[in-house]
Amino acid sequence: MNLFQLWTLFVIVAMPGPPQACSAVPLPLLDEPRLRFSQTYANETWGFALVIPPGMTAYSQASPPYHGVWFVLGDRPHGSVVVSGEANSLEFKTPRAAARDQLGMLRKEGKKIESNSLTTSRLGGLSAARMETRYRCNGDPANYVELYVVALSPQKGPLYDLVLTTTVDRLSEDRAIFEGILRNWKLIGR
């Protein structure tokens, strides 16, 4: 389970009754205290680093374990990007298998999938899968989109993923930020 899935699960478990609406910014991403990063972020535990886009701040939880960082998009938060590394505890053999599992998580969370595409990609020189999923939620008029890029380390140990969650009307602007973060992600080894 990746960092984004853990946050989403926390939100669902903490809510009384079934979820009624979605949020492109899971509430725990707004919680304090949190660590702040500008310019660069390096995670030696999971072996990756990234350049933080100019003018943006990346956040991480205040106490370990540190799996990665997230970005809250917009002055009035409307989207998020989560970048993480973690153990491949479900022992995925391929990035495509991990992406299909992510799609299953969206369905388990009650999201109504309207479209989904899965292609091959690259992440810092690693083979990756890239998935774009558009969905809606009960009681919420917004149309949401999730861009999910996932790669496995060469030894299939760590799993690395980047997740953009936003609304369809903000996708063009937020995709540009996501693509910049994706281009500046690097495998640094453990």
C-alpha atoms as a PDB file:
ATOM      1  CA  MET A   1       0.000   0.000   0.000  1.00  0.00           C
ATOM      2  CA  ASN A   2       1.472   3.369  -0.979  1.00  0.00           C
ATOM      3  CA  LEU A   3       1.524   6.600   1.030  1.00  0.00           C
ATOM      4  CA  PHE A   4      -1.454   8.017  -0.875  1.00  0.00           C
ATOM      5  CA  GLN A   5      -3.490   4.858  -0.265  1.00  0.00           C
ATOM      6  CA  LEU A   6      -2.656   5.000   3.450  1.00  0.00           C
ATOM      7  CA  TRP A   7      -3.812   8.633   3.682  1.00  0.00           C
ATOM      8  CA  THR A   8      -6.996   7.831   1.787  1.00  0.00           C
ATOM      9  CA  LEU A   9      -7.675   4.797   3.969  1.00  0.00           C
ATOM     10  CA  PHE A  10      -7.161   6.961   7.062  1.00  0.00           C
ATOM     11  CA  VAL A  11      -9.708   9.474   5.784  1.00  0.00           C
ATOM     12  CA  ILE A  12     -12.257   6.750   5.012  1.00  0.00           C
ATOM     13  CA  VAL A  13     -11.793   4.974   8.364  1.00  0.00           C
ATOM     14  CA  ALA A  14     -12.005   8.250  10.303  1.00  0.00           C
ATOM     15  CA  MET A  15     -15.302   9.212   8.639  1.00  0.00           C
ATOM     16  CA  PRO A  16     -18.590   8.040  10.150  1.00  0.00           C
ATOM     17  CA  GLY A  17     -20.567   6.025   7.607  1.00  0.00           C
ATOM     18  CA  PRO A  18     -19.791   5.668   3.908  1.00  0.00           C
ATOM     19  CA  PRO A  19     -17.850   8.421   2.172  1.00  0.00           C
ATOM     20  CA  GLN A  20     -20.209  10.976   0.612  1.00  0.00           C
ATOM     21  CA  ALA A  21     -17.749  13.011  -1.442  1.00  0.00           C
ATOM     22  CA  CYS A  22     -14.209  13.055  -2.741  1.00  0.00           C
ATOM     23  CA  SER A  23     -11.410  15.461  -2.137  1.00  0.00           C
ATOM     24  CA  ALA A  24      -8.470  16.080  -4.433  1.00  0.00           C
ATOM     25  CA  VAL A  25      -6.544  16.992  -1.268  1.00  0.00           C
ATOM     26  CA  PRO A  26      -6.936  14.255   1.395  1.00  0.00           C
ATOM     27  CA  LEU A  27      -7.447  16.048   4.720  1.00  0.00           C
ATOM     28  CA  PRO A  28      -4.413  14.495   6.472  1.00  0.00           C
ATOM     29  CA  LEU A  29      -2.189  16.224   3.909  1.00  0.00           C
ATOM     30  CA  LEU A  30      -3.218  19.541   5.459  1.00  0.00           C
ATOM     31  CA  ASP A  31      -2.481  18.474   9.066  1.00  0.00           C
ATOM     32  CA  GLU A  32       0.215  20.116  11.162  1.00  0.00           C
ATOM     33  CA  PRO A  33       2.867  19.573  12.301  1.00  0.00           C
ATOM     34  CA  ARG A  34       4.660  18.686   9.131  1.00  0.00           C
ATOM     35  CA  LEU A  35       8.156  19.093   7.742  1.00  0.00           C
ATOM     36  CA  ARG A  36       8.698  21.552   4.895  1.00  0.00           C
ATOM     37  CA  PHE A  37      11.174  21.216   2.010  1.00  0.00           C
ATOM     38  CA  SER A  38      12.180  23.616  -0.734  1.00  0.00           C
ATOM     39  CA  GLN A  39      14.690  23.222  -3.565  1.00  0.00           C
ATOM     40  CA  THR A  40      15.434  19.485  -3.107  1.00  0.00           C
ATOM     41  CA  TYR A  41      14.259  16.415  -1.232  1.00  0.00           C
ATOM     42  CA  ALA A  42      16.305  13.242  -0.791  1.00  0.00           C
ATOM     43  CA  ASN A  43      15.059  10.060   0.828  1.00  0.00           C
ATOM     44  CA  GLU A  44      18.067   7.869   1.559  1.00  0.00           C
ATOM     45  CA  THR A  45      15.932   5.164   3.181  1.00  0.00           C
ATOM     46  CA  TRP A  46      14.112   4.438  -0.071  1.00  0.00           C
ATOM     47  CA  GLY A  47      16.811   5.730  -2.413  1.00  0.00           C
ATOM     48  CA  PHE A  48      15.221   8.557  -4.356  1.00  0.00           C
ATOM     49  CA  ALA A  49      15.485  12.317  -4.663  1.00  0.00           C
ATOM     50  CA  LEU A  50      13.732  15.104  -6.505  1.00  0.00           C
ATOM     51  CA  VAL A  51      14.093  18.763  -7.304  1.00  0.00           C
ATOM     52  CA  ILE A  52      11.211  20.796  -5.906  1.00  0.00           C
ATOM     53  CA  PRO A  53       9.743  23.196  -8.469  1.00  0.00           C
ATOM     54  CA  PRO A  54      10.604  26.874  -7.856  1.00  0.00           C
ATOM     55  CA  GLY A  55       8.122  28.593  -5.575  1.00  0.00           C
ATOM     56  CA  MET A  56       6.668  25.313  -4.298  1.00  0.00           C
ATOM     57  CA  THR A  57       6.951  23.617  -0.933  1.00  0.00           C
ATOM     58  CA  ALA A  58       6.987  19.862  -0.343  1.00  0.00           C
ATOM     59  CA  TYR A  59       5.733  18.460   2.951  1.00  0.00           C
ATOM     60  CA  SER A  60       6.349  15.300   4.953  1.00  0.00           C
ATOM     61  CA  GLN A  61       4.967  14.004   8.205  1.00  0.00           C
ATOM     62  CA  ALA A  62       6.793  15.297  11.282  1.00  0.00           C
ATOM     63  CA  SER A  63       7.912  11.895  12.569  1.00  0.00           C
ATOM     64  CA  PRO A  64       9.235   8.702  10.964  1.00  0.00           C
ATOM     65  CA  PRO A  65       8.815   6.585   9.004  1.00  0.00           C
ATOM     66  CA  TYR A  66       9.555   8.905   6.089  1.00  0.00           C
ATOM     67  CA  HIS A  67       8.319   7.477   2.822  1.00  0.00           C
ATOM     68  CA  GLY A  68       8.177  10.647   0.778  1.00  0.00           C
ATOM     69  CA  VAL A  69       6.649  14.063   0.356  1.00  0.00           C
ATOM     70  CA  TRP A  70       3.500  15.693  -0.908  1.00  0.00           C
ATOM     71  CA  PHE A  71       2.600  18.959  -2.554  1.00  0.00           C
ATOM     72  CA  VAL A  72      -0.671  20.786  -1.953  1.00  0.00           C
ATOM     73  CA  LEU A  73      -1.691  22.559  -5.164  1.00  0.00           C
ATOM     74  CA  GLY A  74      -3.268  26.004  -5.042  1.00  0.00           C
ATOM     75  CA  ASP A  75      -3.666  28.733  -2.445  1.00  0.00           C
ATOM     76  CA  ARG A  76      -7.120  27.345  -1.822  1.00  0.00           C
ATOM     77  CA  PRO A  77      -6.126  23.671  -2.047  1.00  0.00           C
ATOM     78  CA  HIS A  78      -7.645  21.999  -5.083  1.00  0.00           C
ATOM     79  CA  GLY A  79      -5.195  19.177  -5.799  1.00  0.00           C
ATOM     80  CA  SER A  80      -2.211  17.248  -4.538  1.00  0.00           C
ATOM     81  CA  VAL A  81       0.874  15.380  -5.675  1.00  0.00           C
ATOM     82  CA  VAL A  82       2.234  12.571  -3.495  1.00  0.00           C
ATOM     83  CA  VAL A  83       5.738  11.187  -4.140  1.00  0.00           C
ATOM     84  CA  SER A  84       6.745   8.095  -2.181  1.00  0.00           C
ATOM     85  CA  GLY A  85       8.944   5.050  -1.867  1.00  0.00           C
ATOM     86  CA  GLU A  86       8.074   1.950   0.114  1.00  0.00           C
ATOM     87  CA  ALA A  87       8.571  -1.769   0.371  1.00  0.00           C
ATOM     88  CA  ASN A  88       7.001  -3.814  -2.399  1.00  0.00           C
ATOM     89  CA  SER A  89       5.074  -5.669   0.292  1.00  0.00           C
ATOM     90  CA  LEU A  90       2.513  -7.078  -2.149  1.00  0.00           C
ATOM     91  CA  GLU A  91       5.410  -8.416  -4.238  1.00  0.00           C
ATOM     92  CA  PHE A  92       4.314  -6.928  -7.531  1.00  0.00           C
ATOM     93  CA  LYS A  93       6.300  -8.414 -10.413  1.00  0.00           C
ATOM     94  CA  THR A  94       5.676  -5.478 -12.746  1.00  0.00           C
ATOM     95  CA  PRO A  95       4.717  -1.802 -12.503  1.00  0.00           C
ATOM     96  CA  ARG A  96       1.547  -2.611 -14.476  1.00  0.00           C
ATOM     97  CA  ALA A  97       0.456  -5.013 -11.735  1.00  0.00           C
ATOM     98  CA  ALA A  98       0.941  -2.264  -9.134  1.00  0.00           C
ATOM     99  CA  ALA A  99      -1.074   0.158 -11.277  1.00  0.00           C
ATOM    100  CA  ARG A 100      -3.920  -2.342 -11.632  1.00  0.00           C
ATOM    101  CA  ASP A 101      -3.923  -2.680  -7.838  1.00  0.00           C
ATOM    102  CA  GLN A 102      -4.195   1.116  -7.520  1.00  0.00           C
ATOM    103  CA  LEU A 103      -7.244   1.055  -9.801  1.00  0.00           C
ATOM    104  CA  GLY A 104      -8.757  -1.612  -7.540  1.00  0.00           C
ATOM    105  CA  MET A 105      -8.168   0.664  -4.528  1.00  0.00           C
ATOM    106  CA  LEU A 106     -10.055   3.488  -6.227  1.00  0.00           C
ATOM    107  CA  ARG A 107     -12.986   1.149  -6.802  1.00  0.00           C
ATOM    108  CA  LYS A 108     -12.884  -0.113  -3.190  1.00  0.00           C
ATOM    109  CA  GLU A 109     -13.031   3.518  -2.038  1.00  0.00           C
ATOM    110  CA  GLY A 110     -16.343   3.834  -3.885  1.00  0.00           C
ATOM    111  CA  LYS A 111     -15.122   5.974  -6.749  1.00  0.00           C
ATOM    112  CA  LYS A 112     -17.176   5.635  -9.942  1.00  0.00           C
ATOM    113  CA  ILE A 113     -14.606   5.068 -12.676  1.00  0.00           C
ATOM    114  CA  GLU A 114     -15.524   6.870 -15.896  1.00  0.00           C
ATOM    115  CA  SER A 115     -12.341   6.180 -17.875  1.00  0.00           C
ATOM    116  CA  ASN A 116      -8.968   4.586 -17.352  1.00  0.00           C
ATOM    117  CA  SER A 117      -5.833   4.224 -19.464  1.00  0.00           C
ATOM    118  CA  LEU A 118      -2.650   2.351 -18.652  1.00  0.00           C
ATOM    119  CA  THR A 119       0.589   2.781 -20.615  1.00  0.00           C
ATOM    120  CA  THR A 120       4.273   2.085 -20.186  1.00  0.00           C
ATOM    121  CA  SER A 121       6.482   4.944 -19.019  1.00  0.00           C
ATOM    122  CA  ARG A 122       9.810   5.751 -17.350  1.00  0.00           C
ATOM    123  CA  LEU A 123      10.633   7.077 -13.896  1.00  0.00           C
ATOM    124  CA  GLY A 124      14.211   8.222 -13.386  1.00  0.00           C
ATOM    125  CA  GLY A 125      15.520   5.564 -15.763  1.00  0.00           C
ATOM    126  CA  LEU A 126      13.308   2.789 -14.359  1.00  0.00           C
ATOM    127  CA  SER A 127      10.586   1.031 -16.319  1.00  0.00           C
ATOM    128  CA  ALA A 128       7.264   2.347 -15.076  1.00  0.00           C
ATOM    129  CA  ALA A 129       3.533   2.191 -15.635  1.00  0.00           C
ATOM    130  CA  ARG A 130       1.471   5.332 -16.084  1.00  0.00           C
ATOM    131  CA  MET A 131      -2.253   5.311 -15.410  1.00  0.00           C
ATOM    132  CA  GLU A 132      -4.821   8.058 -15.863  1.00  0.00           C
ATOM    133  CA  THR A 133      -8.171   7.523 -14.206  1.00  0.00           C
ATOM    134  CA  ARG A 134     -11.172   9.830 -14.329  1.00  0.00           C
ATOM    135  CA  TYR A 135     -13.865   9.296 -11.737  1.00  0.00           C
ATOM    136  CA  ARG A 136     -16.795  10.753  -9.835  1.00  0.00           C
ATOM    137  CA  CYS A 137     -18.028  10.318  -6.287  1.00  0.00           C
ATOM    138  CA  ASN A 138     -21.460  10.106  -4.696  1.00  0.00           C
ATOM    139  CA  GLY A 139     -22.767  13.470  -3.573  1.00  0.00           C
ATOM    140  CA  ASP A 140     -20.018  15.426  -5.324  1.00  0.00           C
ATOM    141  CA  PRO A 141     -20.592  17.286  -8.594  1.00  0.00           C
ATOM    142  CA  ALA A 142     -16.856  17.494  -9.430  1.00  0.00           C
ATOM    143  CA  ASN A 143     -15.110  15.317 -12.006  1.00  0.00           C
ATOM    144  CA  TYR A 144     -11.786  14.041 -10.651  1.00  0.00           C
ATOM    145  CA  VAL A 145      -8.666  12.691 -12.284  1.00  0.00           C
ATOM    146  CA  GLU A 146      -5.751  10.717 -10.867  1.00  0.00           C
ATOM    147  CA  LEU A 147      -2.428  10.390 -12.687  1.00  0.00           C
ATOM    148  CA  TYR A 148      -0.432   7.524 -11.213  1.00  0.00           C
ATOM    149  CA  VAL A 149       3.140   6.634 -12.178  1.00  0.00           C
ATOM    150  CA  VAL A 150       4.718   3.602 -10.509  1.00  0.00           C
ATOM    151  CA  ALA A 151       8.084   1.856 -10.868  1.00  0.00           C
ATOM    152  CA  LEU A 152       9.863  -0.983  -9.119  1.00  0.00           C
ATOM    153  CA  SER A 153      13.510  -0.907  -8.145  1.00  0.00           C
ATOM    154  CA  PRO A 154      15.811  -3.114 -10.251  1.00  0.00           C
ATOM    155  CA  GLN A 155      15.696  -5.765  -7.479  1.00  0.00           C
ATOM    156  CA  LYS A 156      11.861  -5.425  -7.233  1.00  0.00           C
ATOM    157  CA  GLY A 157      12.350  -4.364  -3.577  1.00  0.00           C
ATOM    158  CA  PRO A 158      11.229  -0.766  -3.225  1.00  0.00           C
ATOM    159  CA  LEU A 159       8.216   0.496  -5.101  1.00  0.00           C
ATOM    160  CA  TYR A 160       8.191   4.160  -6.148  1.00  0.00           C
ATOM    161  CA  ASP A 161       5.067   6.094  -7.047  1.00  0.00           C
ATOM    162  CA  LEU A 162       3.908   9.578  -7.886  1.00  0.00           C
ATOM    163  CA  VAL A 163       0.216  10.449  -7.709  1.00  0.00           C
ATOM    164  CA  LEU A 164      -1.521  13.592  -8.927  1.00  0.00           C
ATOM    165  CA  THR A 165      -5.108  14.001  -7.754  1.00  0.00           C
ATOM    166  CA  THR A 166      -7.041  16.985  -9.052  1.00  0.00           C
ATOM    167  CA  THR A 167     -10.250  18.031 -10.736  1.00  0.00           C
ATOM    168  CA  VAL A 168     -10.657  17.742 -14.493  1.00  0.00           C
ATOM    169  CA  ASP A 169     -11.006  21.520 -14.837  1.00  0.00           C
ATOM    170  CA  ARG A 170      -7.565  22.017 -13.200  1.00  0.00           C
ATOM    171  CA  LEU A 171      -5.849  19.112 -14.958  1.00  0.00           C
ATOM    172  CA  SER A 172      -3.948  21.078 -17.578  1.00  0.00           C
ATOM    173  CA  GLU A 173      -2.274  23.374 -15.032  1.00  0.00           C
ATOM    174  CA  ASP A 174      -1.689  20.648 -12.442  1.00  0.00           C
ATOM    175  CA  ARG A 175      -0.398  18.155 -15.014  1.00  0.00           C
ATOM    176  CA  ALA A 176       2.407  20.614 -15.888  1.00  0.00           C
ATOM    177  CA  ILE A 177       3.490  20.688 -12.221  1.00  0.00           C
ATOM    178  CA  PHE A 178       3.260  16.883 -11.982  1.00  0.00           C
ATOM    179  CA  GLU A 179       5.314  16.391 -15.155  1.00  0.00           C
ATOM    180  CA  GLY A 180       8.001  18.739 -13.789  1.00  0.00           C
ATOM    181  CA  ILE A 181       8.215  16.753 -10.551  1.00  0.00           C
ATOM    182  CA  LEU A 182       8.293  13.514 -12.551  1.00  0.00           C
ATOM    183  CA  ARG A 183      11.156  14.740 -14.774  1.00  0.00           C
ATOM    184  CA  ASN A 184      13.209  15.747 -11.729  1.00  0.00           C
ATOM    185  CA  TRP A 185      12.784  12.457  -9.811  1.00  0.00           C
ATOM    186  CA  LYS A 186      16.035  10.475  -9.509  1.00  0.00           C
ATOM    187  CA  LEU A 187      17.000   7.068  -8.194  1.00  0.00           C
ATOM    188  CA  ILE A 188      19.943   7.619  -5.817  1.00  0.00           C
ATOM    189  CA  GLY A 189      20.307   4.119  -4.383  1.00  0.00           C
ATOM    190  CA  ARG A 190      20.035   2.941  -0.809  1.00  0.00           C
END
